[in-house]
Amino acid sequence: LCTSEATRDYLWREGIKWLRLWPQGVDARLFNPGKATKEWRAKLSGGHPEKKILLYVGRLAPEKGIERVKAALKAAPDARLAIVGKGPAREYLEKKFADTPTVFTGLLTGDDLAAAYASSDLFVFPSTTETLGMAMIEALASGVPVVAARSGASHEIVDEGTNGLLYEPYSLETMTVAVRRVLSDDGLRSRMSREARNVAEGRSWRAATATLRGYYEEALTP
């Protein structure tokens, strides 16, 4: 069972057969736009809730390429960045972003994580190694548009121009252009926010579980 088409295609090319796609669900009740609060906007923005807030959620590891977000942040001087998560690269990243308006929250879960998503303006995801992209799905459920590298599972989650934008992997220029485009156009960001929520509502855990049960039934069929 593969959680993305990218993974399925890779395994197929490696000669593995009997593959099925298991689309992941999201808790749309927990992750939703209604969880946004003024308090969390203040926390994520370092006390400047009126500024646009870029958000990254995930493991702080070298392969995630989080340091690349700095270029987009530098090109959007009125924006703030919040990095949510923990991992071995945190110390390195804190030094890398020391001269920028960036807040490191550490690991967040439950309602705190849901509030962080919903209280942000744009989710930025630079990783090129994703096989699932759960954080992107949670951001969409929270009504937050996504800017992500056109790689791995990202293009299966982000509908270009509808609920977010894709940029060329490792290209700081195209990432910066995408981020500035969304942040500078309130109408575009608002439309993407609505579409993001609509897409996520179709990814229920009930539907994902029904698909999984179907595969078990298929496997048990003589």
C-alpha atoms as a PDB file:
ATOM      1  CA  LEU A   1       0.000   0.000   0.000  1.00  0.00           C
ATOM      2  CA  CYS A   2       1.445   3.345  -1.076  1.00  0.00           C
ATOM      3  CA  THR A   3       0.427   6.713   0.334  1.00  0.00           C
ATOM      4  CA  SER A   4       1.200   8.596  -2.884  1.00  0.00           C
ATOM      5  CA  GLU A   5       1.340   8.010  -6.617  1.00  0.00           C
ATOM      6  CA  ALA A   6       5.002   9.049  -6.583  1.00  0.00           C
ATOM      7  CA  THR A   7       5.859   6.198  -4.214  1.00  0.00           C
ATOM      8  CA  ARG A   8       3.747   3.720  -6.138  1.00  0.00           C
ATOM      9  CA  ASP A   9       5.409   4.632  -9.439  1.00  0.00           C
ATOM     10  CA  TYR A  10       8.877   4.361  -7.917  1.00  0.00           C
ATOM     11  CA  LEU A  11       8.187   0.895  -6.490  1.00  0.00           C
ATOM     12  CA  TRP A  12       6.675  -0.201  -9.789  1.00  0.00           C
ATOM     13  CA  ARG A  13       9.823   0.819 -11.634  1.00  0.00           C
ATOM     14  CA  GLU A  14      11.824  -1.197  -9.088  1.00  0.00           C
ATOM     15  CA  GLY A  15       9.889  -4.315 -10.081  1.00  0.00           C
ATOM     16  CA  ILE A  16       7.493  -4.536  -7.145  1.00  0.00           C
ATOM     17  CA  LYS A  17       3.998  -5.650  -8.167  1.00  0.00           C
ATOM     18  CA  TRP A  18       0.603  -5.836  -6.445  1.00  0.00           C
ATOM     19  CA  LEU A  19       0.682  -2.153  -5.523  1.00  0.00           C
ATOM     20  CA  ARG A  20      -2.326  -0.136  -4.424  1.00  0.00           C
ATOM     21  CA  LEU A  21      -2.792   3.549  -3.607  1.00  0.00           C
ATOM     22  CA  TRP A  22      -4.037   4.320  -0.099  1.00  0.00           C
ATOM     23  CA  PRO A  23      -5.023   8.016  -0.042  1.00  0.00           C
ATOM     24  CA  GLN A  24      -4.497   9.570   3.368  1.00  0.00           C
ATOM     25  CA  GLY A  25      -7.222  11.326   5.296  1.00  0.00           C
ATOM     26  CA  VAL A  26      -7.198  14.336   7.573  1.00  0.00           C
ATOM     27  CA  ASP A  27      -9.139  15.249  10.688  1.00  0.00           C
ATOM     28  CA  ALA A  28     -11.030  18.190   9.212  1.00  0.00           C
ATOM     29  CA  ARG A  29     -12.743  18.860  12.533  1.00  0.00           C
ATOM     30  CA  LEU A  30      -9.446  19.390  14.332  1.00  0.00           C
ATOM     31  CA  PHE A  31      -7.711  21.161  11.468  1.00  0.00           C
ATOM     32  CA  ASN A  32     -10.034  23.924  10.314  1.00  0.00           C
ATOM     33  CA  PRO A  33      -9.969  27.703   9.771  1.00  0.00           C
ATOM     34  CA  GLY A  34     -12.045  28.290  12.906  1.00  0.00           C
ATOM     35  CA  LYS A  35      -9.054  27.432  15.098  1.00  0.00           C
ATOM     36  CA  ALA A  36      -7.308  30.724  14.245  1.00  0.00           C
ATOM     37  CA  THR A  37      -6.727  33.039  17.242  1.00  0.00           C
ATOM     38  CA  LYS A  38      -5.177  36.447  17.837  1.00  0.00           C
ATOM     39  CA  GLU A  39      -3.021  34.929  20.553  1.00  0.00           C
ATOM     40  CA  TRP A  40      -1.450  32.429  18.175  1.00  0.00           C
ATOM     41  CA  ARG A  41      -0.892  35.051  15.500  1.00  0.00           C
ATOM     42  CA  ALA A  42       1.008  37.052  18.122  1.00  0.00           C
ATOM     43  CA  LYS A  43       3.078  34.006  19.106  1.00  0.00           C
ATOM     44  CA  LEU A  44       3.917  32.973  15.561  1.00  0.00           C
ATOM     45  CA  SER A  45       4.792  36.490  14.446  1.00  0.00           C
ATOM     46  CA  GLY A  46       6.949  37.390  17.419  1.00  0.00           C
ATOM     47  CA  GLY A  47       4.464  39.991  18.589  1.00  0.00           C
ATOM     48  CA  HIS A  48       3.542  41.394  15.166  1.00  0.00           C
ATOM     49  CA  PRO A  49       0.169  39.784  14.370  1.00  0.00           C
ATOM     50  CA  GLU A  50      -0.573  42.387  11.690  1.00  0.00           C
ATOM     51  CA  LYS A  51       2.251  40.990   9.529  1.00  0.00           C
ATOM     52  CA  LYS A  52       1.831  38.148   7.056  1.00  0.00           C
ATOM     53  CA  ILE A  53       2.886  34.836   8.589  1.00  0.00           C
ATOM     54  CA  LEU A  54       4.715  32.097   6.684  1.00  0.00           C
ATOM     55  CA  LEU A  55       4.561  28.680   8.309  1.00  0.00           C
ATOM     56  CA  TYR A  56       6.604  25.495   8.126  1.00  0.00           C
ATOM     57  CA  VAL A  57       5.557  22.369  10.030  1.00  0.00           C
ATOM     58  CA  GLY A  58       7.610  19.195  10.071  1.00  0.00           C
ATOM     59  CA  ARG A  59      10.726  17.481  11.267  1.00  0.00           C
ATOM     60  CA  LEU A  60      13.738  19.757  11.445  1.00  0.00           C
ATOM     61  CA  ALA A  61      16.140  17.620   9.443  1.00  0.00           C
ATOM     62  CA  PRO A  62      18.805  18.408   6.813  1.00  0.00           C
ATOM     63  CA  GLU A  63      16.948  16.654   3.976  1.00  0.00           C
ATOM     64  CA  LYS A  64      13.936  18.953   4.401  1.00  0.00           C
ATOM     65  CA  GLY A  65      15.795  21.934   2.945  1.00  0.00           C
ATOM     66  CA  ILE A  66      14.165  24.355   5.403  1.00  0.00           C
ATOM     67  CA  GLU A  67      17.037  26.845   5.097  1.00  0.00           C
ATOM     68  CA  ARG A  68      15.876  27.607   1.549  1.00  0.00           C
ATOM     69  CA  VAL A  69      12.822  29.403   2.939  1.00  0.00           C
ATOM     70  CA  LYS A  70      15.128  32.184   4.107  1.00  0.00           C
ATOM     71  CA  ALA A  71      15.388  33.517   0.557  1.00  0.00           C
ATOM     72  CA  ALA A  72      11.620  33.941   0.302  1.00  0.00           C
ATOM     73  CA  LEU A  73      11.459  35.546   3.739  1.00  0.00           C
ATOM     74  CA  LYS A  74      14.181  38.034   2.809  1.00  0.00           C
ATOM     75  CA  ALA A  75      12.223  38.958  -0.330  1.00  0.00           C
ATOM     76  CA  ALA A  76       9.059  39.625   1.692  1.00  0.00           C
ATOM     77  CA  PRO A  77      10.212  42.168   4.299  1.00  0.00           C
ATOM     78  CA  ASP A  78       6.748  42.569   5.834  1.00  0.00           C
ATOM     79  CA  ALA A  79       6.401  38.842   6.500  1.00  0.00           C
ATOM     80  CA  ARG A  80       7.266  36.720   9.511  1.00  0.00           C
ATOM     81  CA  LEU A  81       8.194  33.024   9.599  1.00  0.00           C
ATOM     82  CA  ALA A  82       7.175  30.402  12.144  1.00  0.00           C
ATOM     83  CA  ILE A  83       8.933  27.032  12.171  1.00  0.00           C
ATOM     84  CA  VAL A  84       7.049  24.299  14.016  1.00  0.00           C
ATOM     85  CA  GLY A  85       8.684  20.997  14.885  1.00  0.00           C
ATOM     86  CA  LYS A  86      11.762  19.414  16.353  1.00  0.00           C
ATOM     87  CA  GLY A  87      14.738  17.518  14.997  1.00  0.00           C
ATOM     88  CA  PRO A  88      18.514  17.335  14.672  1.00  0.00           C
ATOM     89  CA  ALA A  89      18.800  20.439  12.501  1.00  0.00           C
ATOM     90  CA  ARG A  90      17.189  22.859  14.948  1.00  0.00           C
ATOM     91  CA  GLU A  91      20.440  24.384  16.241  1.00  0.00           C
ATOM     92  CA  TYR A  92      21.742  24.835  12.705  1.00  0.00           C
ATOM     93  CA  LEU A  93      18.467  26.430  11.586  1.00  0.00           C
ATOM     94  CA  GLU A  94      18.339  28.789  14.560  1.00  0.00           C
ATOM     95  CA  LYS A  95      21.761  30.088  13.554  1.00  0.00           C
ATOM     96  CA  LYS A  96      20.768  30.242   9.888  1.00  0.00           C
ATOM     97  CA  PHE A  97      17.656  32.327  10.612  1.00  0.00           C
ATOM     98  CA  ALA A  98      19.151  34.381  13.454  1.00  0.00           C
ATOM     99  CA  ASP A  99      19.077  37.586  11.404  1.00  0.00           C
ATOM    100  CA  THR A 100      15.456  37.131  10.307  1.00  0.00           C
ATOM    101  CA  PRO A 101      12.047  37.568  12.006  1.00  0.00           C
ATOM    102  CA  THR A 102      11.640  33.838  12.641  1.00  0.00           C
ATOM    103  CA  VAL A 103      10.025  32.078  15.597  1.00  0.00           C
ATOM    104  CA  PHE A 104      10.814  28.468  16.538  1.00  0.00           C
ATOM    105  CA  THR A 105       7.910  26.997  18.484  1.00  0.00           C
ATOM    106  CA  GLY A 106       9.225  23.494  19.027  1.00  0.00           C
ATOM    107  CA  LEU A 107       6.913  20.524  18.669  1.00  0.00           C
ATOM    108  CA  LEU A 108       3.178  21.306  18.704  1.00  0.00           C
ATOM    109  CA  THR A 109       0.318  18.815  18.817  1.00  0.00           C
ATOM    110  CA  GLY A 110      -3.468  18.747  19.048  1.00  0.00           C
ATOM    111  CA  ASP A 111      -5.295  22.039  19.392  1.00  0.00           C
ATOM    112  CA  ASP A 112      -2.044  24.031  19.579  1.00  0.00           C
ATOM    113  CA  LEU A 113      -0.910  22.657  16.221  1.00  0.00           C
ATOM    114  CA  ALA A 114      -4.349  23.260  14.700  1.00  0.00           C
ATOM    115  CA  ALA A 115      -4.281  26.861  15.955  1.00  0.00           C
ATOM    116  CA  ALA A 116      -0.803  27.415  14.524  1.00  0.00           C
ATOM    117  CA  TYR A 117      -1.920  26.264  11.080  1.00  0.00           C
ATOM    118  CA  ALA A 118      -5.139  28.284  11.054  1.00  0.00           C
ATOM    119  CA  SER A 119      -3.485  31.440  12.413  1.00  0.00           C
ATOM    120  CA  SER A 120      -0.980  31.575   9.533  1.00  0.00           C
ATOM    121  CA  ASP A 121      -1.314  33.064   6.049  1.00  0.00           C
ATOM    122  CA  LEU A 122       0.780  30.748   3.889  1.00  0.00           C
ATOM    123  CA  PHE A 123       2.321  27.306   4.331  1.00  0.00           C
ATOM    124  CA  VAL A 124       5.757  26.931   2.721  1.00  0.00           C
ATOM    125  CA  PHE A 125       7.118  23.448   2.142  1.00  0.00           C
ATOM    126  CA  PRO A 126      10.584  23.200   0.519  1.00  0.00           C
ATOM    127  CA  SER A 127      11.144  19.447   0.918  1.00  0.00           C
ATOM    128  CA  THR A 128      11.741  17.428  -2.251  1.00  0.00           C
ATOM    129  CA  THR A 129      11.680  14.007  -0.559  1.00  0.00           C
ATOM    130  CA  GLU A 130       8.073  13.732   0.601  1.00  0.00           C
ATOM    131  CA  THR A 131       6.212  10.468   0.043  1.00  0.00           C
ATOM    132  CA  LEU A 132       3.064  11.595   1.858  1.00  0.00           C
ATOM    133  CA  GLY A 133       2.965  15.322   2.668  1.00  0.00           C
ATOM    134  CA  MET A 134       0.670  15.082   5.691  1.00  0.00           C
ATOM    135  CA  ALA A 135       1.581  18.578   6.869  1.00  0.00           C
ATOM    136  CA  MET A 136       0.442  20.017   3.538  1.00  0.00           C
ATOM    137  CA  ILE A 137      -2.913  18.247   3.864  1.00  0.00           C
ATOM    138  CA  GLU A 138      -3.357  19.588   7.397  1.00  0.00           C
ATOM    139  CA  ALA A 139      -2.539  23.112   6.181  1.00  0.00           C
ATOM    140  CA  LEU A 140      -5.145  22.864   3.415  1.00  0.00           C
ATOM    141  CA  ALA A 141      -7.740  21.632   5.916  1.00  0.00           C
ATOM    142  CA  SER A 142      -6.933  24.719   7.988  1.00  0.00           C
ATOM    143  CA  GLY A 143      -7.720  26.947   5.015  1.00  0.00           C
ATOM    144  CA  VAL A 144      -4.068  27.858   4.432  1.00  0.00           C
ATOM    145  CA  PRO A 145      -2.728  27.915   0.840  1.00  0.00           C
ATOM    146  CA  VAL A 146       0.455  25.942   0.204  1.00  0.00           C
ATOM    147  CA  VAL A 147       3.609  26.848  -1.717  1.00  0.00           C
ATOM    148  CA  ALA A 148       5.645  23.694  -2.276  1.00  0.00           C
ATOM    149  CA  ALA A 149       8.435  22.279  -4.421  1.00  0.00           C
ATOM    150  CA  ARG A 150       7.189  20.455  -7.506  1.00  0.00           C
ATOM    151  CA  SER A 151       8.512  17.111  -6.336  1.00  0.00           C
ATOM    152  CA  GLY A 152       7.475  13.867  -4.691  1.00  0.00           C
ATOM    153  CA  ALA A 153       3.898  13.850  -3.470  1.00  0.00           C
ATOM    154  CA  SER A 154       3.501  17.655  -3.485  1.00  0.00           C
ATOM    155  CA  HIS A 155       1.928  17.874  -6.945  1.00  0.00           C
ATOM    156  CA  GLU A 156      -0.683  15.317  -5.858  1.00  0.00           C
ATOM    157  CA  ILE A 157      -1.795  17.572  -2.992  1.00  0.00           C
ATOM    158  CA  VAL A 158      -1.333  21.090  -4.342  1.00  0.00           C
ATOM    159  CA  ASP A 159      -3.578  21.984  -7.260  1.00  0.00           C
ATOM    160  CA  GLU A 160      -1.539  24.641  -9.059  1.00  0.00           C
ATOM    161  CA  GLY A 161      -3.273  28.018  -8.951  1.00  0.00           C
ATOM    162  CA  THR A 162      -6.268  26.640  -7.045  1.00  0.00           C
ATOM    163  CA  ASN A 163      -5.206  25.877  -3.482  1.00  0.00           C
ATOM    164  CA  GLY A 164      -1.571  26.857  -3.795  1.00  0.00           C
ATOM    165  CA  LEU A 165       1.452  27.200  -6.051  1.00  0.00           C
ATOM    166  CA  LEU A 166       4.290  24.881  -7.022  1.00  0.00           C
ATOM    167  CA  TYR A 167       7.829  26.001  -7.771  1.00  0.00           C
ATOM    168  CA  GLU A 168      10.791  24.283  -9.341  1.00  0.00           C
ATOM    169  CA  PRO A 169      12.776  22.190  -6.835  1.00  0.00           C
ATOM    170  CA  TYR A 170      15.894  23.898  -5.423  1.00  0.00           C
ATOM    171  CA  SER A 171      15.047  27.124  -7.278  1.00  0.00           C
ATOM    172  CA  LEU A 172      15.134  29.972  -4.774  1.00  0.00           C
ATOM    173  CA  GLU A 173      13.978  32.371  -7.478  1.00  0.00           C
ATOM    174  CA  THR A 174      10.781  30.504  -8.388  1.00  0.00           C
ATOM    175  CA  MET A 175      10.017  29.835  -4.700  1.00  0.00           C
ATOM    176  CA  THR A 176      10.391  33.524  -3.911  1.00  0.00           C
ATOM    177  CA  VAL A 177       8.156  34.519  -6.826  1.00  0.00           C
ATOM    178  CA  ALA A 178       5.453  32.088  -5.684  1.00  0.00           C
ATOM    179  CA  VAL A 179       5.545  33.283  -2.067  1.00  0.00           C
ATOM    180  CA  ARG A 180       5.440  36.963  -3.026  1.00  0.00           C
ATOM    181  CA  ARG A 181       2.587  36.347  -5.458  1.00  0.00           C
ATOM    182  CA  VAL A 182       0.359  34.834  -2.778  1.00  0.00           C
ATOM    183  CA  LEU A 183       1.278  37.286  -0.028  1.00  0.00           C
ATOM    184  CA  SER A 184       0.794  40.348  -2.222  1.00  0.00           C
ATOM    185  CA  ASP A 185      -2.660  39.411  -3.515  1.00  0.00           C
ATOM    186  CA  ASP A 186      -5.289  39.218  -0.770  1.00  0.00           C
ATOM    187  CA  GLY A 187      -7.989  38.214  -3.236  1.00  0.00           C
ATOM    188  CA  LEU A 188      -5.928  35.337  -4.590  1.00  0.00           C
ATOM    189  CA  ARG A 189      -4.996  34.156  -1.115  1.00  0.00           C
ATOM    190  CA  SER A 190      -8.636  34.288  -0.015  1.00  0.00           C
ATOM    191  CA  ARG A 191      -9.778  32.218  -3.004  1.00  0.00           C
ATOM    192  CA  MET A 192      -7.003  29.704  -2.443  1.00  0.00           C
ATOM    193  CA  SER A 193      -7.946  29.478   1.217  1.00  0.00           C
ATOM    194  CA  ARG A 194     -11.533  28.526   0.371  1.00  0.00           C
ATOM    195  CA  GLU A 195     -10.435  25.976  -2.209  1.00  0.00           C
ATOM    196  CA  ALA A 196      -7.878  24.541   0.196  1.00  0.00           C
ATOM    197  CA  ARG A 197     -10.606  23.813   2.718  1.00  0.00           C
ATOM    198  CA  ASN A 198     -12.910  22.353   0.071  1.00  0.00           C
ATOM    199  CA  VAL A 199     -10.232  19.924  -1.125  1.00  0.00           C
ATOM    200  CA  ALA A 200      -9.366  18.820   2.412  1.00  0.00           C
ATOM    201  CA  GLU A 201     -12.997  18.114   3.272  1.00  0.00           C
ATOM    202  CA  GLY A 202     -12.942  15.429   0.577  1.00  0.00           C
ATOM    203  CA  ARG A 203     -10.015  13.679   2.311  1.00  0.00           C
ATOM    204  CA  SER A 204     -11.870  12.280   5.303  1.00  0.00           C
ATOM    205  CA  TRP A 205     -10.481   9.437   7.387  1.00  0.00           C
ATOM    206  CA  ARG A 206     -13.791   7.648   6.812  1.00  0.00           C
ATOM    207  CA  ALA A 207     -13.114   7.562   3.072  1.00  0.00           C
ATOM    208  CA  ALA A 208      -9.463   6.569   3.580  1.00  0.00           C
ATOM    209  CA  THR A 209     -10.461   3.731   5.912  1.00  0.00           C
ATOM    210  CA  ALA A 210     -13.135   2.506   3.495  1.00  0.00           C
ATOM    211  CA  THR A 211     -10.470   2.292   0.791  1.00  0.00           C
ATOM    212  CA  LEU A 212      -8.186   0.320   3.109  1.00  0.00           C
ATOM    213  CA  ARG A 213     -10.961  -2.117   4.010  1.00  0.00           C
ATOM    214  CA  GLY A 214     -11.604  -2.620   0.311  1.00  0.00           C
ATOM    215  CA  TYR A 215      -7.990  -3.687  -0.189  1.00  0.00           C
ATOM    216  CA  TYR A 216      -8.270  -6.202   2.656  1.00  0.00           C
ATOM    217  CA  GLU A 217     -11.411  -7.612   1.077  1.00  0.00           C
ATOM    218  CA  GLU A 218      -9.607  -7.814  -2.245  1.00  0.00           C
ATOM    219  CA  ALA A 219      -6.708  -9.664  -0.648  1.00  0.00           C
ATOM    220  CA  LEU A 220      -9.077 -12.160   1.009  1.00  0.00           C
ATOM    221  CA  THR A 221     -10.964 -12.912  -2.191  1.00  0.00           C
ATOM    222  CA  PRO A 222     -10.037 -16.412  -3.486  1.00  0.00           C
END
